[in-house]
Amino acid sequence: MTGNPSEAGVQPRGRRVAKAVEPTGRNLGRPASQRARKTDDLDLLIGRRLRQRRILLAISQEELARRIGLSFQQLQKYEVGENRISAARLFKLSEILAVPISWFFSPAMGRRLTGMLEDDTGSE
């Protein structure tokens, strides 16, 4: 062994070795396909319906967020479709807003059902 520190596996002071970044926190152990979920048109529809019902009942974002244990900023992200709403949270929101869960999907379900019926009849 020589007196050269790099030969002994020791890095000279002041030099840093870049390490590969591993997923942490909630992403730990998740495949890449599940780490960066994007919202879609259905998330936007649900958010719009949420906002529509909240306004109809004259409930502020702050009040509704408090009742479901969120920040108003998170509720705002739901309303603009930036973040997805979990099934459990959607259930809680439907109870507070006094609508069935299906109410959030109503316009989309109508379009999808129409599309499925057209596919079944062979029309294109």
N, C-alpha and C. Protein backbone atom coordinates (compact mmCIF):
# COMPACT_ATOMS: atom_id res chain seq x y z
N MET A 1 0.85 -1.18 0.00
CA MET A 1 0.00 0.00 0.00
C MET A 1 0.88 1.23 0.00
N THR A 2 0.52 2.18 -0.81
CA THR A 2 1.31 3.41 -0.90
C THR A 2 0.70 4.47 -0.02
N GLY A 3 1.29 5.63 0.01
CA GLY A 3 0.78 6.72 0.81
C GLY A 3 -0.32 7.51 0.12
N ASN A 4 -0.76 7.09 -1.05
CA ASN A 4 -1.80 7.80 -1.80
C ASN A 4 -3.17 7.44 -1.22
N PRO A 5 -3.93 8.43 -0.66
CA PRO A 5 -5.21 8.14 -0.02
C PRO A 5 -6.26 7.58 -0.98
N SER A 6 -6.22 7.96 -2.27
CA SER A 6 -7.25 7.48 -3.19
C SER A 6 -7.09 5.99 -3.46
N GLU A 7 -5.89 5.45 -3.33
CA GLU A 7 -5.68 4.02 -3.52
C GLU A 7 -6.28 3.22 -2.37
N ALA A 8 -6.38 3.80 -1.22
CA ALA A 8 -6.93 3.11 -0.05
C ALA A 8 -8.44 3.29 0.05
N GLY A 9 -9.06 3.90 -0.97
CA GLY A 9 -10.51 4.09 -0.96
C GLY A 9 -10.94 5.31 -0.18
N VAL A 10 -10.03 6.16 0.20
CA VAL A 10 -10.34 7.37 0.95
C VAL A 10 -10.31 8.55 -0.01
N GLN A 11 -11.33 9.35 0.02
CA GLN A 11 -11.40 10.52 -0.84
C GLN A 11 -10.70 11.69 -0.15
N PRO A 12 -9.91 12.45 -0.90
CA PRO A 12 -9.27 13.63 -0.30
C PRO A 12 -10.35 14.60 0.16
N ARG A 13 -10.03 15.35 1.20
CA ARG A 13 -10.97 16.35 1.73
C ARG A 13 -11.37 17.34 0.67
N GLY A 14 -12.63 17.77 0.74
CA GLY A 14 -13.12 18.79 -0.18
C GLY A 14 -13.71 18.20 -1.45
N ARG A 15 -13.48 16.95 -1.72
CA ARG A 15 -14.07 16.33 -2.91
C ARG A 15 -15.26 15.50 -2.50
N ARG A 16 -16.31 15.64 -3.21
CA ARG A 16 -17.52 14.87 -2.91
C ARG A 16 -17.81 13.94 -4.08
N VAL A 17 -18.29 12.78 -3.73
CA VAL A 17 -18.66 11.80 -4.73
C VAL A 17 -20.18 11.83 -4.88
N ALA A 18 -20.65 11.98 -6.12
CA ALA A 18 -22.09 12.00 -6.35
C ALA A 18 -22.66 10.60 -6.17
N LYS A 19 -23.77 10.51 -5.46
CA LYS A 19 -24.43 9.23 -5.25
C LYS A 19 -25.73 9.22 -6.03
N ALA A 20 -26.15 8.02 -6.41
CA ALA A 20 -27.44 7.89 -7.09
C ALA A 20 -28.55 8.23 -6.10
N VAL A 21 -29.55 8.95 -6.57
CA VAL A 21 -30.66 9.35 -5.71
C VAL A 21 -31.68 8.23 -5.69
N GLU A 22 -31.99 7.75 -4.52
CA GLU A 22 -32.97 6.68 -4.35
C GLU A 22 -34.30 7.29 -3.94
N PRO A 23 -35.42 6.66 -4.32
CA PRO A 23 -36.72 7.15 -3.87
C PRO A 23 -36.81 7.10 -2.35
N THR A 24 -37.44 8.10 -1.79
CA THR A 24 -37.60 8.15 -0.33
C THR A 24 -39.05 8.39 0.03
N GLY A 25 -39.35 8.28 1.30
CA GLY A 25 -40.69 8.58 1.80
C GLY A 25 -41.74 7.70 1.17
N ARG A 26 -42.80 8.33 0.67
CA ARG A 26 -43.93 7.59 0.10
C ARG A 26 -43.55 6.84 -1.16
N ASN A 27 -42.48 7.27 -1.87
CA ASN A 27 -42.09 6.62 -3.11
C ASN A 27 -41.20 5.41 -2.90
N LEU A 28 -40.75 5.19 -1.69
CA LEU A 28 -39.85 4.09 -1.40
C LEU A 28 -40.51 2.76 -1.75
N GLY A 29 -39.87 2.00 -2.59
CA GLY A 29 -40.37 0.68 -2.95
C GLY A 29 -41.42 0.68 -4.05
N ARG A 30 -41.80 1.84 -4.54
CA ARG A 30 -42.81 1.91 -5.61
C ARG A 30 -42.12 1.85 -6.97
N PRO A 31 -42.74 1.17 -7.92
CA PRO A 31 -42.19 1.21 -9.28
C PRO A 31 -42.33 2.62 -9.84
N ALA A 32 -41.49 2.95 -10.80
CA ALA A 32 -41.49 4.29 -11.38
C ALA A 32 -42.85 4.66 -11.94
N SER A 33 -43.58 3.70 -12.47
CA SER A 33 -44.89 3.99 -13.06
C SER A 33 -45.89 4.51 -12.03
N GLN A 34 -45.65 4.22 -10.76
CA GLN A 34 -46.58 4.67 -9.72
C GLN A 34 -46.09 5.90 -8.99
N ARG A 35 -44.87 6.35 -9.26
CA ARG A 35 -44.33 7.49 -8.53
C ARG A 35 -44.87 8.81 -9.02
N ALA A 36 -45.09 8.96 -10.30
CA ALA A 36 -45.48 10.26 -10.84
C ALA A 36 -46.84 10.13 -11.53
N ARG A 37 -47.86 9.95 -10.76
CA ARG A 37 -49.20 9.85 -11.33
C ARG A 37 -49.66 11.22 -11.78
N LYS A 38 -50.23 11.25 -12.95
CA LYS A 38 -50.74 12.51 -13.47
C LYS A 38 -52.25 12.50 -13.36
N THR A 39 -52.79 13.68 -13.21
CA THR A 39 -54.25 13.78 -13.16
C THR A 39 -54.77 13.76 -14.59
N ASP A 40 -56.05 13.47 -14.73
CA ASP A 40 -56.65 13.42 -16.05
C ASP A 40 -57.97 14.19 -16.06
N ASP A 41 -58.71 14.06 -17.15
CA ASP A 41 -59.97 14.80 -17.30
C ASP A 41 -60.98 14.43 -16.22
N LEU A 42 -60.98 13.19 -15.78
CA LEU A 42 -61.92 12.78 -14.75
C LEU A 42 -61.61 13.49 -13.42
N ASP A 43 -60.32 13.64 -13.11
CA ASP A 43 -59.94 14.37 -11.90
C ASP A 43 -60.41 15.82 -11.98
N LEU A 44 -60.30 16.39 -13.15
CA LEU A 44 -60.76 17.77 -13.36
C LEU A 44 -62.28 17.87 -13.19
N LEU A 45 -63.00 16.90 -13.74
CA LEU A 45 -64.47 16.88 -13.61
C LEU A 45 -64.87 16.77 -12.14
N ILE A 46 -64.25 15.85 -11.41
CA ILE A 46 -64.58 15.66 -10.00
C ILE A 46 -64.30 16.93 -9.21
N GLY A 47 -63.17 17.58 -9.50
CA GLY A 47 -62.84 18.83 -8.83
C GLY A 47 -63.85 19.93 -9.11
N ARG A 48 -64.27 20.02 -10.36
CA ARG A 48 -65.27 21.04 -10.72
C ARG A 48 -66.60 20.78 -10.03
N ARG A 49 -67.00 19.51 -9.97
CA ARG A 49 -68.26 19.16 -9.31
C ARG A 49 -68.16 19.45 -7.81
N LEU A 50 -66.99 19.18 -7.23
CA LEU A 50 -66.76 19.48 -5.81
C LEU A 50 -66.94 20.98 -5.56
N ARG A 51 -66.29 21.79 -6.38
CA ARG A 51 -66.40 23.24 -6.23
C ARG A 51 -67.83 23.72 -6.43
N GLN A 52 -68.50 23.18 -7.45
CA GLN A 52 -69.88 23.55 -7.75
C GLN A 52 -70.79 23.29 -6.54
N ARG A 53 -70.67 22.13 -5.94
CA ARG A 53 -71.52 21.78 -4.80
C ARG A 53 -71.17 22.62 -3.57
N ARG A 54 -69.87 22.83 -3.35
CA ARG A 54 -69.44 23.63 -2.19
C ARG A 54 -70.02 25.04 -2.29
N ILE A 55 -69.95 25.64 -3.46
CA ILE A 55 -70.46 27.00 -3.65
C ILE A 55 -71.98 27.02 -3.50
N LEU A 56 -72.66 26.01 -4.06
CA LEU A 56 -74.12 25.93 -3.95
C LEU A 56 -74.56 25.91 -2.48
N LEU A 57 -73.78 25.24 -1.64
CA LEU A 57 -74.12 25.15 -0.21
C LEU A 57 -73.55 26.32 0.60
N ALA A 58 -72.91 27.27 -0.08
CA ALA A 58 -72.31 28.45 0.56
C ALA A 58 -71.31 28.07 1.66
N ILE A 59 -70.45 27.10 1.33
CA ILE A 59 -69.39 26.69 2.26
C ILE A 59 -68.07 27.21 1.69
N SER A 60 -67.28 27.85 2.52
CA SER A 60 -65.99 28.37 2.06
C SER A 60 -64.99 27.21 1.93
N GLN A 61 -63.93 27.44 1.16
CA GLN A 61 -62.87 26.43 1.05
C GLN A 61 -62.29 26.14 2.43
N GLU A 62 -62.08 27.20 3.20
CA GLU A 62 -61.49 27.03 4.53
C GLU A 62 -62.37 26.15 5.42
N GLU A 63 -63.68 26.38 5.39
CA GLU A 63 -64.61 25.61 6.22
C GLU A 63 -64.64 24.15 5.79
N LEU A 64 -64.77 23.89 4.50
CA LEU A 64 -64.82 22.51 4.03
C LEU A 64 -63.50 21.80 4.31
N ALA A 65 -62.40 22.48 4.08
CA ALA A 65 -61.08 21.89 4.34
C ALA A 65 -60.95 21.53 5.82
N ARG A 66 -61.40 22.42 6.69
CA ARG A 66 -61.33 22.15 8.13
C ARG A 66 -62.16 20.91 8.48
N ARG A 67 -63.34 20.79 7.88
CA ARG A 67 -64.23 19.68 8.21
C ARG A 67 -63.69 18.32 7.75
N ILE A 68 -62.84 18.32 6.73
CA ILE A 68 -62.26 17.04 6.30
C ILE A 68 -60.79 16.89 6.69
N GLY A 69 -60.28 17.87 7.44
CA GLY A 69 -58.92 17.77 7.97
C GLY A 69 -57.82 18.04 6.97
N LEU A 70 -58.05 19.02 6.09
CA LEU A 70 -57.06 19.40 5.08
C LEU A 70 -56.76 20.89 5.17
N SER A 71 -55.71 21.31 4.48
CA SER A 71 -55.49 22.75 4.33
C SER A 71 -56.39 23.22 3.19
N PHE A 72 -56.72 24.50 3.19
CA PHE A 72 -57.56 25.00 2.10
C PHE A 72 -56.80 24.93 0.78
N GLN A 73 -55.46 24.99 0.84
CA GLN A 73 -54.66 24.89 -0.37
C GLN A 73 -54.83 23.52 -1.02
N GLN A 74 -54.85 22.46 -0.19
CA GLN A 74 -55.04 21.12 -0.73
C GLN A 74 -56.42 20.98 -1.35
N LEU A 75 -57.43 21.51 -0.69
CA LEU A 75 -58.78 21.48 -1.24
C LEU A 75 -58.83 22.22 -2.58
N GLN A 76 -58.13 23.34 -2.63
CA GLN A 76 -58.07 24.12 -3.87
C GLN A 76 -57.44 23.29 -5.00
N LYS A 77 -56.40 22.52 -4.69
CA LYS A 77 -55.77 21.66 -5.69
C LYS A 77 -56.75 20.59 -6.17
N TYR A 78 -57.56 20.07 -5.27
CA TYR A 78 -58.59 19.12 -5.67
C TYR A 78 -59.58 19.78 -6.63
N GLU A 79 -60.00 20.98 -6.30
CA GLU A 79 -61.03 21.67 -7.09
C GLU A 79 -60.56 22.01 -8.50
N VAL A 80 -59.28 22.26 -8.68
CA VAL A 80 -58.79 22.58 -10.02
C VAL A 80 -58.24 21.35 -10.74
N GLY A 81 -58.36 20.18 -10.11
CA GLY A 81 -57.92 18.94 -10.74
C GLY A 81 -56.43 18.72 -10.73
N GLU A 82 -55.71 19.47 -9.90
CA GLU A 82 -54.26 19.35 -9.84
C GLU A 82 -53.85 18.08 -9.08
N ASN A 83 -54.62 17.70 -8.07
CA ASN A 83 -54.37 16.49 -7.29
C ASN A 83 -55.58 15.59 -7.33
N ARG A 84 -55.33 14.30 -7.27
CA ARG A 84 -56.42 13.33 -7.24
C ARG A 84 -56.99 13.21 -5.84
N ILE A 85 -58.28 12.91 -5.78
CA ILE A 85 -58.96 12.71 -4.50
C ILE A 85 -59.08 11.21 -4.27
N SER A 86 -58.63 10.76 -3.12
CA SER A 86 -58.73 9.33 -2.81
C SER A 86 -60.19 8.93 -2.63
N ALA A 87 -60.46 7.65 -2.75
CA ALA A 87 -61.83 7.15 -2.59
C ALA A 87 -62.36 7.46 -1.20
N ALA A 88 -61.54 7.27 -0.18
CA ALA A 88 -61.97 7.54 1.19
C ALA A 88 -62.32 9.01 1.39
N ARG A 89 -61.50 9.88 0.84
CA ARG A 89 -61.75 11.32 0.98
C ARG A 89 -62.98 11.72 0.17
N LEU A 90 -63.17 11.13 -1.00
CA LEU A 90 -64.36 11.44 -1.80
C LEU A 90 -65.62 11.00 -1.06
N PHE A 91 -65.54 9.87 -0.38
CA PHE A 91 -66.67 9.39 0.42
C PHE A 91 -67.01 10.40 1.52
N LYS A 92 -65.97 10.86 2.21
CA LYS A 92 -66.16 11.84 3.28
C LYS A 92 -66.76 13.15 2.73
N LEU A 93 -66.25 13.59 1.58
CA LEU A 93 -66.77 14.81 0.96
C LEU A 93 -68.23 14.63 0.56
N SER A 94 -68.58 13.45 0.05
CA SER A 94 -69.97 13.22 -0.36
C SER A 94 -70.91 13.28 0.83
N GLU A 95 -70.45 12.81 1.98
CA GLU A 95 -71.27 12.90 3.20
C GLU A 95 -71.46 14.35 3.62
N ILE A 96 -70.39 15.10 3.65
CA ILE A 96 -70.45 16.50 4.08
C ILE A 96 -71.31 17.33 3.12
N LEU A 97 -71.17 17.06 1.82
CA LEU A 97 -71.89 17.84 0.81
C LEU A 97 -73.27 17.26 0.50
N ALA A 98 -73.62 16.19 1.19
CA ALA A 98 -74.95 15.58 1.08
C ALA A 98 -75.32 15.17 -0.35
N VAL A 99 -74.39 14.49 -1.01
CA VAL A 99 -74.64 13.95 -2.34
C VAL A 99 -74.07 12.53 -2.39
N PRO A 100 -74.62 11.66 -3.24
CA PRO A 100 -74.01 10.34 -3.39
C PRO A 100 -72.68 10.48 -4.13
N ILE A 101 -71.77 9.55 -3.94
CA ILE A 101 -70.47 9.62 -4.62
C ILE A 101 -70.66 9.69 -6.13
N SER A 102 -71.64 8.99 -6.64
CA SER A 102 -71.88 8.99 -8.09
C SER A 102 -72.15 10.39 -8.63
N TRP A 103 -72.61 11.30 -7.80
CA TRP A 103 -72.90 12.66 -8.24
C TRP A 103 -71.65 13.33 -8.82
N PHE A 104 -70.48 13.03 -8.25
CA PHE A 104 -69.24 13.64 -8.73
C PHE A 104 -68.90 13.18 -10.15
N PHE A 105 -69.40 12.00 -10.53
CA PHE A 105 -69.08 11.41 -11.82
C PHE A 105 -70.19 11.58 -12.85
N SER A 106 -71.32 12.09 -12.49
CA SER A 106 -72.52 12.07 -13.33
C SER A 106 -72.30 12.43 -14.80
N PRO A 107 -71.77 13.60 -15.16
CA PRO A 107 -71.61 13.91 -16.58
C PRO A 107 -70.67 12.93 -17.29
N ALA A 108 -69.60 12.53 -16.65
CA ALA A 108 -68.64 11.61 -17.29
C ALA A 108 -69.26 10.24 -17.49
N MET A 109 -70.02 9.78 -16.52
CA MET A 109 -70.62 8.47 -16.63
C MET A 109 -71.62 8.43 -17.78
N GLY A 110 -72.35 9.49 -17.98
CA GLY A 110 -73.30 9.56 -19.08
C GLY A 110 -72.60 9.45 -20.43
N ARG A 111 -71.50 10.17 -20.60
CA ARG A 111 -70.74 10.12 -21.86
C ARG A 111 -70.12 8.74 -22.06
N ARG A 112 -69.56 8.16 -21.01
CA ARG A 112 -68.93 6.85 -21.14
C ARG A 112 -69.96 5.77 -21.45
N LEU A 113 -71.12 5.85 -20.81
CA LEU A 113 -72.17 4.88 -21.06
C LEU A 113 -72.64 4.99 -22.51
N THR A 114 -72.80 6.19 -23.01
CA THR A 114 -73.20 6.40 -24.39
C THR A 114 -72.16 5.79 -25.32
N GLY A 115 -70.88 6.01 -25.02
CA GLY A 115 -69.80 5.44 -25.84
C GLY A 115 -69.82 3.92 -25.82
N MET A 116 -70.08 3.32 -24.67
CA MET A 116 -70.13 1.86 -24.57
C MET A 116 -71.32 1.32 -25.34
N LEU A 117 -72.45 1.99 -25.27
CA LEU A 117 -73.64 1.53 -25.99
C LEU A 117 -73.41 1.60 -27.50
N GLU A 118 -72.75 2.66 -27.96
CA GLU A 118 -72.46 2.78 -29.39
C GLU A 118 -71.53 1.66 -29.85
N ASP A 119 -70.54 1.30 -29.02
CA ASP A 119 -69.63 0.22 -29.35
C ASP A 119 -70.36 -1.11 -29.44
N ASP A 120 -71.34 -1.34 -28.55
CA ASP A 120 -72.08 -2.59 -28.53
C ASP A 120 -72.99 -2.76 -29.75
N THR A 121 -73.49 -1.65 -30.29
CA THR A 121 -74.42 -1.74 -31.43
C THR A 121 -73.68 -1.81 -32.75
N GLY A 122 -72.37 -1.63 -32.71
CA GLY A 122 -71.58 -1.74 -33.94
C GLY A 122 -71.50 -0.45 -34.72
N SER A 123 -72.09 0.66 -34.22
CA SER A 123 -71.98 1.93 -34.94
C SER A 123 -70.61 2.54 -34.69
N GLU A 124 -70.12 3.20 -35.71
CA GLU A 124 -68.80 3.82 -35.57
C GLU A 124 -68.84 5.26 -35.97
